[in-house]
Amino acid sequence: LVLVPMLLSPLIGVLGAWGLTRLIRWLAAARPYGRTTRQFRLLETVAAAATALGHGLQDAQKTMGVMVLALA
């Protein structure tokens, strides 16, 4: 009973990451390169700051809340 989620969760994670990567690449393909690069650089900085904040707080629920707000 424990083995099924243990085997399926990495597969679901890989497929989800692959799908999101394909979606982001498709959405960014039609945009100007310079503008897209600047936006991704800003978003990467925000994500790194949120991750650092989460590690500093050492509270997983707050970290996930920050990530969900960043995605919204």
PDB file of N, CA and C in Angstrom:
ATOM      1  N   LEU A   1       0.830  -1.198   0.000  1.00  0.00           N
ATOM      2  CA  LEU A   1       0.000   0.000   0.000  1.00  0.00           C
ATOM      3  C   LEU A   1       0.871   1.257   0.000  1.00  0.00           C
ATOM      4  N   VAL A   2       2.009   1.200   0.627  1.00  0.00           N
ATOM      5  CA  VAL A   2       2.904   2.351   0.668  1.00  0.00           C
ATOM      6  C   VAL A   2       3.748   2.435  -0.600  1.00  0.00           C
ATOM      7  N   LEU A   3       3.996   1.301  -1.230  1.00  0.00           N
ATOM      8  CA  LEU A   3       4.867   1.276  -2.404  1.00  0.00           C
ATOM      9  C   LEU A   3       4.260   1.966  -3.619  1.00  0.00           C
ATOM     10  N   VAL A   4       2.948   1.913  -3.759  1.00  0.00           N
ATOM     11  CA  VAL A   4       2.315   2.515  -4.941  1.00  0.00           C
ATOM     12  C   VAL A   4       2.562   4.023  -5.002  1.00  0.00           C
ATOM     13  N   PRO A   5       2.265   4.793  -3.957  1.00  0.00           N
ATOM     14  CA  PRO A   5       2.577   6.229  -4.027  1.00  0.00           C
ATOM     15  C   PRO A   5       4.072   6.501  -4.138  1.00  0.00           C
ATOM     16  N   MET A   6       4.875   5.638  -3.506  1.00  0.00           N
ATOM     17  CA  MET A   6       6.317   5.835  -3.551  1.00  0.00           C
ATOM     18  C   MET A   6       6.847   5.663  -4.975  1.00  0.00           C
ATOM     19  N   LEU A   7       6.235   4.798  -5.751  1.00  0.00           N
ATOM     20  CA  LEU A   7       6.651   4.586  -7.134  1.00  0.00           C
ATOM     21  C   LEU A   7       5.989   5.568  -8.099  1.00  0.00           C
ATOM     22  N   LEU A   8       4.765   5.952  -7.812  1.00  0.00           N
ATOM     23  CA  LEU A   8       4.038   6.837  -8.725  1.00  0.00           C
ATOM     24  C   LEU A   8       4.397   8.308  -8.566  1.00  0.00           C
ATOM     25  N   SER A   9       4.715   8.749  -7.361  1.00  0.00           N
ATOM     26  CA  SER A   9       4.959  10.182  -7.155  1.00  0.00           C
ATOM     27  C   SER A   9       6.142  10.713  -7.958  1.00  0.00           C
ATOM     28  N   PRO A  10       7.272  10.012  -8.071  1.00  0.00           N
ATOM     29  CA  PRO A  10       8.337  10.550  -8.933  1.00  0.00           C
ATOM     30  C   PRO A  10       7.924  10.612 -10.402  1.00  0.00           C
ATOM     31  N   LEU A  11       7.186   9.614 -10.853  1.00  0.00           N
ATOM     32  CA  LEU A  11       6.722   9.602 -12.242  1.00  0.00           C
ATOM     33  C   LEU A  11       5.778  10.771 -12.507  1.00  0.00           C
ATOM     34  N   ILE A  12       4.856  11.004 -11.603  1.00  0.00           N
ATOM     35  CA  ILE A  12       3.923  12.122 -11.756  1.00  0.00           C
ATOM     36  C   ILE A  12       4.675  13.447 -11.703  1.00  0.00           C
ATOM     37  N   GLY A  13       5.663  13.556 -10.824  1.00  0.00           N
ATOM     38  CA  GLY A  13       6.462  14.776 -10.737  1.00  0.00           C
ATOM     39  C   GLY A  13       7.237  15.052 -12.009  1.00  0.00           C
ATOM     40  N   VAL A  14       7.853  14.010 -12.577  1.00  0.00           N
ATOM     41  CA  VAL A  14       8.618  14.182 -13.817  1.00  0.00           C
ATOM     42  C   VAL A  14       7.696  14.571 -14.961  1.00  0.00           C
ATOM     43  N   LEU A  15       6.565  13.889 -15.085  1.00  0.00           N
ATOM     44  CA  LEU A  15       5.628  14.217 -16.164  1.00  0.00           C
ATOM     45  C   LEU A  15       5.036  15.618 -15.987  1.00  0.00           C
ATOM     46  N   GLY A  16       4.746  16.008 -14.754  1.00  0.00           N
ATOM     47  CA  GLY A  16       4.240  17.352 -14.501  1.00  0.00           C
ATOM     48  C   GLY A  16       5.260  18.423 -14.836  1.00  0.00           C
ATOM     49  N   ALA A  17       6.505  18.202 -14.443  1.00  0.00           N
ATOM     50  CA  ALA A  17       7.571  19.160 -14.763  1.00  0.00           C
ATOM     51  C   ALA A  17       7.793  19.244 -16.264  1.00  0.00           C
ATOM     52  N   TRP A  18       7.755  18.100 -16.940  1.00  0.00           N
ATOM     53  CA  TRP A  18       7.919  18.085 -18.398  1.00  0.00           C
ATOM     54  C   TRP A  18       6.795  18.877 -19.071  1.00  0.00           C
ATOM     55  N   GLY A  19       5.558  18.650 -18.621  1.00  0.00           N
ATOM     56  CA  GLY A  19       4.418  19.355 -19.197  1.00  0.00           C
ATOM     57  C   GLY A  19       4.479  20.857 -18.955  1.00  0.00           C
ATOM     58  N   LEU A  20       4.841  21.257 -17.744  1.00  0.00           N
ATOM     59  CA  LEU A  20       4.952  22.685 -17.449  1.00  0.00           C
ATOM     60  C   LEU A  20       6.076  23.336 -18.252  1.00  0.00           C
ATOM     61  N   THR A  21       7.181  22.617 -18.416  1.00  0.00           N
ATOM     62  CA  THR A  21       8.284  23.151 -19.210  1.00  0.00           C
ATOM     63  C   THR A  21       7.857  23.348 -20.654  1.00  0.00           C
ATOM     64  N   ARG A  22       7.161  22.370 -21.211  1.00  0.00           N
ATOM     65  CA  ARG A  22       6.675  22.492 -22.594  1.00  0.00           C
ATOM     66  C   ARG A  22       5.706  23.670 -22.729  1.00  0.00           C
ATOM     67  N   LEU A  23       4.819  23.840 -21.757  1.00  0.00           N
ATOM     68  CA  LEU A  23       3.852  24.937 -21.791  1.00  0.00           C
ATOM     69  C   LEU A  23       4.556  26.290 -21.726  1.00  0.00           C
ATOM     70  N   ILE A  24       5.512  26.426 -20.826  1.00  0.00           N
ATOM     71  CA  ILE A  24       6.233  27.696 -20.693  1.00  0.00           C
ATOM     72  C   ILE A  24       7.027  27.999 -21.955  1.00  0.00           C
ATOM     73  N   ARG A  25       7.681  26.989 -22.510  1.00  0.00           N
ATOM     74  CA  ARG A  25       8.436  27.205 -23.754  1.00  0.00           C
ATOM     75  C   ARG A  25       7.506  27.610 -24.894  1.00  0.00           C
ATOM     76  N   TRP A  26       6.331  27.010 -24.964  1.00  0.00           N
ATOM     77  CA  TRP A  26       5.374  27.343 -26.018  1.00  0.00           C
ATOM     78  C   TRP A  26       4.862  28.777 -25.841  1.00  0.00           C
ATOM     79  N   LEU A  27       4.572  29.169 -24.595  1.00  0.00           N
ATOM     80  CA  LEU A  27       4.086  30.523 -24.337  1.00  0.00           C
ATOM     81  C   LEU A  27       5.165  31.569 -24.603  1.00  0.00           C
ATOM     82  N   ALA A  28       6.420  31.231 -24.321  1.00  0.00           N
ATOM     83  CA  ALA A  28       7.508  32.193 -24.484  1.00  0.00           C
ATOM     84  C   ALA A  28       8.038  32.247 -25.912  1.00  0.00           C
ATOM     85  N   ALA A  29       7.683  31.292 -26.750  1.00  0.00           N
ATOM     86  CA  ALA A  29       8.265  31.204 -28.095  1.00  0.00           C
ATOM     87  C   ALA A  29       7.903  32.408 -28.963  1.00  0.00           C
ATOM     88  N   ALA A  30       6.716  32.943 -28.799  1.00  0.00           N
ATOM     89  CA  ALA A  30       6.264  34.031 -29.663  1.00  0.00           C
ATOM     90  C   ALA A  30       6.638  35.412 -29.127  1.00  0.00           C
ATOM     91  N   ARG A  31       7.250  35.459 -27.969  1.00  0.00           N
ATOM     92  CA  ARG A  31       7.586  36.750 -27.359  1.00  0.00           C
ATOM     93  C   ARG A  31       9.004  37.154 -27.723  1.00  0.00           C
ATOM     94  N   PRO A  32       9.289  38.447 -27.692  1.00  0.00           N
ATOM     95  CA  PRO A  32      10.658  38.905 -27.978  1.00  0.00           C
ATOM     96  C   PRO A  32      11.655  38.338 -26.968  1.00  0.00           C
ATOM     97  N   TYR A  33      12.827  37.957 -27.458  1.00  0.00           N
ATOM     98  CA  TYR A  33      13.829  37.287 -26.622  1.00  0.00           C
ATOM     99  C   TYR A  33      14.275  38.149 -25.442  1.00  0.00           C
ATOM    100  N   GLY A  34      14.592  39.412 -25.690  1.00  0.00           N
ATOM    101  CA  GLY A  34      15.099  40.281 -24.625  1.00  0.00           C
ATOM    102  C   GLY A  34      14.088  40.486 -23.514  1.00  0.00           C
ATOM    103  N   ARG A  35      12.847  40.716 -23.886  1.00  0.00           N
ATOM    104  CA  ARG A  35      11.798  40.939 -22.883  1.00  0.00           C
ATOM    105  C   ARG A  35      11.563  39.666 -22.064  1.00  0.00           C
ATOM    106  N   THR A  36      11.526  38.537 -22.748  1.00  0.00           N
ATOM    107  CA  THR A  36      11.317  37.267 -22.058  1.00  0.00           C
ATOM    108  C   THR A  36      12.458  36.976 -21.095  1.00  0.00           C
ATOM    109  N   THR A  37      13.692  37.247 -21.524  1.00  0.00           N
ATOM    110  CA  THR A  37      14.849  37.012 -20.664  1.00  0.00           C
ATOM    111  C   THR A  37      14.775  37.877 -19.411  1.00  0.00           C
ATOM    112  N   ARG A  38      14.419  39.139 -19.563  1.00  0.00           N
ATOM    113  CA  ARG A  38      14.298  40.025 -18.399  1.00  0.00           C
ATOM    114  C   ARG A  38      13.218  39.528 -17.444  1.00  0.00           C
ATOM    115  N   GLN A  39      12.081  39.099 -17.991  1.00  0.00           N
ATOM    116  CA  GLN A  39      10.991  38.627 -17.140  1.00  0.00           C
ATOM    117  C   GLN A  39      11.374  37.348 -16.394  1.00  0.00           C
ATOM    118  N   PHE A  40      12.025  36.430 -17.093  1.00  0.00           N
ATOM    119  CA  PHE A  40      12.449  35.200 -16.430  1.00  0.00           C
ATOM    120  C   PHE A  40      13.500  35.485 -15.365  1.00  0.00           C
ATOM    121  N   ARG A  41      14.387  36.441 -15.624  1.00  0.00           N
ATOM    122  CA  ARG A  41      15.403  36.803 -14.634  1.00  0.00           C
ATOM    123  C   ARG A  41      14.733  37.354 -13.377  1.00  0.00           C
ATOM    124  N   LEU A  42      13.728  38.200 -13.551  1.00  0.00           N
ATOM    125  CA  LEU A  42      12.999  38.743 -12.409  1.00  0.00           C
ATOM    126  C   LEU A  42      12.269  37.634 -11.651  1.00  0.00           C
ATOM    127  N   LEU A  43      11.592  36.757 -12.383  1.00  0.00           N
ATOM    128  CA  LEU A  43      10.863  35.671 -11.730  1.00  0.00           C
ATOM    129  C   LEU A  43      11.803  34.710 -11.004  1.00  0.00           C
ATOM    130  N   GLU A  44      12.981  34.481 -11.576  1.00  0.00           N
ATOM    131  CA  GLU A  44      13.954  33.611 -10.919  1.00  0.00           C
ATOM    132  C   GLU A  44      14.442  34.229  -9.611  1.00  0.00           C
ATOM    133  N   THR A  45      14.632  35.542  -9.607  1.00  0.00           N
ATOM    134  CA  THR A  45      15.041  36.233  -8.388  1.00  0.00           C
ATOM    135  C   THR A  45      13.957  36.137  -7.321  1.00  0.00           C
ATOM    136  N   VAL A  46      12.711  36.325  -7.726  1.00  0.00           N
ATOM    137  CA  VAL A  46      11.593  36.226  -6.784  1.00  0.00           C
ATOM    138  C   VAL A  46      11.495  34.804  -6.226  1.00  0.00           C
ATOM    139  N   ALA A  47      11.636  33.798  -7.090  1.00  0.00           N
ATOM    140  CA  ALA A  47      11.565  32.408  -6.631  1.00  0.00           C
ATOM    141  C   ALA A  47      12.706  32.081  -5.674  1.00  0.00           C
ATOM    142  N   ALA A  48      13.904  32.567  -5.966  1.00  0.00           N
ATOM    143  CA  ALA A  48      15.046  32.323  -5.076  1.00  0.00           C
ATOM    144  C   ALA A  48      14.829  33.002  -3.728  1.00  0.00           C
ATOM    145  N   ALA A  49      14.284  34.214  -3.747  1.00  0.00           N
ATOM    146  CA  ALA A  49      14.010  34.918  -2.490  1.00  0.00           C
ATOM    147  C   ALA A  49      12.948  34.185  -1.679  1.00  0.00           C
ATOM    148  N   ALA A  50      11.923  33.694  -2.345  1.00  0.00           N
ATOM    149  CA  ALA A  50      10.875  32.954  -1.638  1.00  0.00           C
ATOM    150  C   ALA A  50      11.420  31.660  -1.046  1.00  0.00           C
ATOM    151  N   THR A  51      12.281  30.984  -1.780  1.00  0.00           N
ATOM    152  CA  THR A  51      12.887  29.756  -1.270  1.00  0.00           C
ATOM    153  C   THR A  51      13.779  30.051  -0.069  1.00  0.00           C
ATOM    154  N   ALA A  52      14.573  31.102  -0.160  1.00  0.00           N
ATOM    155  CA  ALA A  52      15.436  31.478   0.960  1.00  0.00           C
ATOM    156  C   ALA A  52      14.603  31.860   2.180  1.00  0.00           C
ATOM    157  N   LEU A  53      13.519  32.576   1.953  1.00  0.00           N
ATOM    158  CA  LEU A  53      12.637  32.938   3.057  1.00  0.00           C
ATOM    159  C   LEU A  53      12.059  31.691   3.706  1.00  0.00           C
ATOM    160  N   GLY A  54      11.627  30.753   2.878  1.00  0.00           N
ATOM    161  CA  GLY A  54      11.072  29.509   3.411  1.00  0.00           C
ATOM    162  C   GLY A  54      12.082  28.715   4.212  1.00  0.00           C
ATOM    163  N   HIS A  55      13.307  28.647   3.727  1.00  0.00           N
ATOM    164  CA  HIS A  55      14.338  27.926   4.471  1.00  0.00           C
ATOM    165  C   HIS A  55      14.656  28.646   5.779  1.00  0.00           C
ATOM    166  N   GLY A  56      14.623  29.953   5.753  1.00  0.00           N
ATOM    167  CA  GLY A  56      14.899  30.709   6.967  1.00  0.00           C
ATOM    168  C   GLY A  56      13.815  30.537   8.012  1.00  0.00           C
ATOM    169  N   LEU A  57      12.588  30.442   7.559  1.00  0.00           N
ATOM    170  CA  LEU A  57      11.479  30.266   8.491  1.00  0.00           C
ATOM    171  C   LEU A  57      11.364  28.831   8.986  1.00  0.00           C
ATOM    172  N   GLN A  58      11.867  27.892   8.206  1.00  0.00           N
ATOM    173  CA  GLN A  58      11.804  26.465   8.516  1.00  0.00           C
ATOM    174  C   GLN A  58      10.381  26.031   8.834  1.00  0.00           C
ATOM    175  N   ASP A  59       9.473  26.445   7.985  1.00  0.00           N
ATOM    176  CA  ASP A  59       8.072  26.092   8.146  1.00  0.00           C
ATOM    177  C   ASP A  59       7.518  25.771   6.763  1.00  0.00           C
ATOM    178  N   ALA A  60       7.289  24.520   6.484  1.00  0.00           N
ATOM    179  CA  ALA A  60       6.923  24.077   5.137  1.00  0.00           C
ATOM    180  C   ALA A  60       5.597  24.683   4.664  1.00  0.00           C
ATOM    181  N   GLN A  61       4.648  24.852   5.557  1.00  0.00           N
ATOM    182  CA  GLN A  61       3.359  25.395   5.139  1.00  0.00           C
ATOM    183  C   GLN A  61       3.506  26.823   4.635  1.00  0.00           C
ATOM    184  N   LYS A  62       4.306  27.616   5.300  1.00  0.00           N
ATOM    185  CA  LYS A  62       4.505  28.996   4.859  1.00  0.00           C
ATOM    186  C   LYS A  62       5.239  29.036   3.528  1.00  0.00           C
ATOM    187  N   THR A  63       6.209  28.151   3.348  1.00  0.00           N
ATOM    188  CA  THR A  63       6.937  28.093   2.082  1.00  0.00           C
ATOM    189  C   THR A  63       5.993  27.770   0.940  1.00  0.00           C
ATOM    190  N   MET A  64       5.139  26.787   1.122  1.00  0.00           N
ATOM    191  CA  MET A  64       4.199  26.414   0.069  1.00  0.00           C
ATOM    192  C   MET A  64       3.205  27.546  -0.184  1.00  0.00           C
ATOM    193  N   GLY A  65       2.810  28.264   0.835  1.00  0.00           N
ATOM    194  CA  GLY A  65       1.920  29.404   0.646  1.00  0.00           C
ATOM    195  C   GLY A  65       2.559  30.486  -0.197  1.00  0.00           C
ATOM    196  N   VAL A  66       3.830  30.763   0.047  1.00  0.00           N
ATOM    197  CA  VAL A  66       4.549  31.759  -0.751  1.00  0.00           C
ATOM    198  C   VAL A  66       4.651  31.295  -2.197  1.00  0.00           C
ATOM    199  N   MET A  67       4.946  30.016  -2.411  1.00  0.00           N
ATOM    200  CA  MET A  67       5.048  29.491  -3.775  1.00  0.00           C
ATOM    201  C   MET A  67       3.702  29.565  -4.498  1.00  0.00           C
ATOM    202  N   VAL A  68       2.628  29.233  -3.807  1.00  0.00           N
ATOM    203  CA  VAL A  68       1.299  29.294  -4.425  1.00  0.00           C
ATOM    204  C   VAL A  68       0.952  30.733  -4.775  1.00  0.00           C
ATOM    205  N   LEU A  69       1.265  31.675  -3.896  1.00  0.00           N
ATOM    206  CA  LEU A  69       1.010  33.080  -4.199  1.00  0.00           C
ATOM    207  C   LEU A  69       1.844  33.546  -5.383  1.00  0.00           C
ATOM    208  N   ALA A  70       3.072  33.051  -5.486  1.00  0.00           N
ATOM    209  CA  ALA A  70       3.928  33.435  -6.608  1.00  0.00           C
ATOM    210  C   ALA A  70       3.378  32.888  -7.918  1.00  0.00           C
ATOM    211  N   LEU A  71       2.756  31.720  -7.880  1.00  0.00           N
ATOM    212  CA  LEU A  71       2.207  31.121  -9.096  1.00  0.00           C
ATOM    213  C   LEU A  71       0.873  31.746  -9.494  1.00  0.00           C
ATOM    214  N   ALA A  72       0.187  32.360  -8.549  1.00  0.00           N
ATOM    215  CA  ALA A  72      -1.141  32.921  -8.846  1.00  0.00           C
ATOM    216  C   ALA A  72      -1.057  34.209  -9.627  1.00  0.00           C
TER     217      ALA A  72
END
